[in-house]
Amino acid sequence: MWIWQSPSVPTVADAAQVIGLDGLAASIDALHNELRAALPDIVADGAAIIADEVRARAPVRTGSLSNAIDTIVNHGTDSASAIVQVDDSAQGQQEHYAIFDEFGTSKQPARPFFRPGVQAAAPRAQALMVERIASIIGDAQ
C-alpha cells in the first residue's frame, strides 16, 4: 500500500511547534503537589459525612455507641484512605455489642445502622470529594 501526498500540502508534522512545554510541565507539577497536599483533608471530609450518617442511625440507649463512631485517615505520598469504625468494638471492649446490633443474634433481630449509613452517605461523600478536587483543578487553570 502506498500513500501519495502532494509536497505543496503542509502536514501536521510540518506545522507543529510546541512552545512553553517547560511551563506546562511546571504547572502540572504544581497541580500535582497541591492535590497531594489537599488529599488527606478531602478524604477526611468525605469520611466525616459517612461517620455522621452512621452516627445518626446508631441505636441509642446511652449514646456511647454513637459517640464511639470515629474515623481514621491514612495517607502516603500520593494516596489517602479513611476508615469509619466503631471504636472499642472488639470482643470484651465497651462497645462490643455493635456487631450484634448490626447483624443480630439468635435471640435478637438485626438492627442495621452501619452498612445502611455508609450506603446512604456514600454518594454525598463522593460528590464532596469530586467537587473539592475539581475546584483545585479549576483554580489551577
Protein backbone atom coordinates (compact mmCIF):
# COMPACT_ATOMS: atom_id res chain seq x y z
CA MET A 1 0.00 0.00 0.00
CA TRP A 2 1.26 3.46 -0.76
CA ILE A 3 0.10 6.94 0.14
CA TRP A 4 0.63 9.85 -2.14
CA GLN A 5 0.96 13.27 -0.61
CA SER A 6 1.42 16.46 -2.52
CA PRO A 7 4.63 18.21 -1.49
CA SER A 8 2.75 21.52 -1.51
CA VAL A 9 0.26 20.41 1.19
CA PRO A 10 1.64 21.01 4.67
CA THR A 11 1.33 18.10 7.09
CA VAL A 12 0.77 18.23 10.83
CA ALA A 13 4.42 17.40 11.33
CA ASP A 14 5.41 20.39 9.20
CA ALA A 15 3.19 22.81 11.14
CA ALA A 16 3.50 21.56 14.73
CA GLN A 17 5.55 23.57 17.12
CA VAL A 18 5.36 23.29 20.90
CA ILE A 19 6.02 26.46 22.84
CA GLY A 20 6.07 26.64 26.63
CA LEU A 21 6.47 22.94 27.34
CA ASP A 22 8.62 23.69 30.39
CA GLY A 23 5.91 25.97 31.77
CA LEU A 24 3.27 23.31 31.17
CA ALA A 25 5.36 20.71 33.00
CA ALA A 26 5.86 23.11 35.92
CA SER A 27 2.10 23.79 36.08
CA ILE A 28 1.31 20.08 36.10
CA ASP A 29 3.86 19.51 38.87
CA ALA A 30 2.38 22.36 40.93
CA LEU A 31 -1.14 20.96 40.49
CA HIS A 32 0.08 17.50 41.48
CA ASN A 33 1.67 18.91 44.63
CA GLU A 34 -1.45 20.88 45.53
CA LEU A 35 -3.68 17.83 45.07
CA ARG A 36 -1.23 15.69 47.05
CA ALA A 37 -1.31 18.18 49.95
CA ALA A 38 -5.11 18.50 49.94
CA LEU A 39 -5.95 14.82 49.53
CA PRO A 40 -5.87 13.78 53.23
CA ASP A 41 -8.26 16.60 54.18
CA ILE A 42 -10.54 15.84 51.25
CA VAL A 43 -10.74 12.16 52.21
CA ALA A 44 -11.26 13.07 55.89
CA ASP A 45 -14.16 15.34 54.97
CA GLY A 46 -15.75 12.59 52.88
CA ALA A 47 -15.33 10.12 55.74
CA ALA A 48 -16.87 12.62 58.17
CA ILE A 49 -20.06 12.68 56.07
CA ILE A 50 -20.26 8.89 56.30
CA ALA A 51 -19.46 8.85 60.03
CA ASP A 52 -22.15 11.46 60.72
CA GLU A 53 -24.75 9.39 58.87
CA VAL A 54 -23.75 6.18 60.65
CA ARG A 55 -23.83 8.04 63.99
CA ALA A 56 -27.32 9.36 63.25
CA ARG A 57 -28.56 5.82 62.53
CA ALA A 58 -26.93 4.14 65.54
CA PRO A 59 -29.36 2.77 68.12
CA VAL A 60 -29.37 4.99 71.17
CA ARG A 61 -29.52 3.56 74.64
CA THR A 62 -26.85 5.55 76.44
CA GLY A 63 -25.28 7.37 73.48
CA SER A 64 -21.95 5.63 73.95
CA LEU A 65 -22.28 3.68 70.68
CA SER A 66 -22.81 6.78 68.56
CA ASN A 67 -20.01 8.52 70.45
CA ALA A 68 -17.68 5.61 69.64
CA ILE A 69 -18.05 6.04 65.87
CA ASP A 70 -14.91 7.69 64.57
CA THR A 71 -12.66 7.96 61.54
CA ILE A 72 -9.02 7.23 60.93
CA VAL A 73 -7.31 8.80 57.92
CA ASN A 74 -4.19 7.19 56.50
CA HIS A 75 -2.12 8.80 53.80
CA GLY A 76 1.04 8.22 51.89
CA THR A 77 2.85 10.32 49.36
CA ASP A 78 0.23 10.02 46.62
CA SER A 79 -2.72 8.36 48.34
CA ALA A 80 -5.15 8.70 51.21
CA SER A 81 -7.77 6.44 52.72
CA ALA A 82 -10.16 6.63 55.61
CA ILE A 83 -11.72 4.10 57.94
CA VAL A 84 -15.03 4.75 59.62
CA GLN A 85 -15.28 2.45 62.60
CA VAL A 86 -16.90 1.78 65.94
CA ASP A 87 -14.06 2.35 68.37
CA ASP A 88 -13.78 -0.08 71.31
CA SER A 89 -15.87 -2.67 69.46
CA ALA A 90 -13.54 -5.67 69.82
CA GLN A 91 -14.71 -8.57 71.94
CA GLY A 92 -14.60 -7.63 75.60
CA GLN A 93 -14.39 -3.90 74.98
CA GLN A 94 -17.01 -1.32 75.86
CA GLU A 95 -18.85 -1.19 72.51
CA HIS A 96 -18.51 -4.88 71.62
CA TYR A 97 -22.29 -5.14 71.14
CA ALA A 98 -22.24 -3.01 67.96
CA ILE A 99 -21.86 -6.12 65.82
CA PHE A 100 -24.90 -7.69 67.50
CA ASP A 101 -26.99 -4.61 66.69
CA GLU A 102 -25.76 -4.64 63.10
CA PHE A 103 -26.19 -8.35 62.35
CA GLY A 104 -28.44 -9.64 65.12
CA THR A 105 -28.08 -12.82 67.16
CA SER A 106 -30.13 -15.97 67.57
CA LYS A 107 -32.18 -14.10 70.18
CA GLN A 108 -32.08 -10.54 68.86
CA PRO A 109 -33.09 -9.35 65.42
CA ALA A 110 -30.63 -7.31 63.42
CA ARG A 111 -30.90 -3.55 63.70
CA PRO A 112 -28.51 -2.49 60.96
CA PHE A 113 -27.20 1.03 61.21
CA PHE A 114 -23.62 0.95 59.96
CA ARG A 115 -23.99 -0.51 56.47
CA PRO A 116 -27.18 1.46 55.65
CA GLY A 117 -25.46 4.60 56.90
CA VAL A 118 -22.49 4.02 54.61
CA GLN A 119 -24.77 3.29 51.65
CA ALA A 120 -26.87 6.39 52.26
CA ALA A 121 -23.92 8.76 52.74
CA ALA A 122 -21.52 7.41 50.11
CA PRO A 123 -22.97 9.43 47.19
CA ARG A 124 -22.76 12.67 49.21
CA ALA A 125 -19.22 11.88 50.34
CA GLN A 126 -18.17 11.08 46.79
CA ALA A 127 -19.79 14.25 45.44
CA LEU A 128 -17.99 16.37 48.04
CA MET A 129 -14.62 14.82 47.24
CA VAL A 130 -15.12 15.18 43.48
CA GLU A 131 -16.20 18.81 43.95
CA ARG A 132 -13.17 19.63 46.09
CA ILE A 133 -10.75 18.01 43.61
CA ALA A 134 -12.45 19.72 40.66
CA SER A 135 -12.19 23.04 42.49
CA ILE A 136 -8.45 22.63 42.92
CA ILE A 137 -8.06 21.70 39.25
CA GLY A 138 -10.28 24.61 38.19
CA ASP A 139 -8.26 27.07 40.30
CA ALA A 140 -5.07 25.86 38.61
CA GLN A 141 -6.26 26.86 35.14
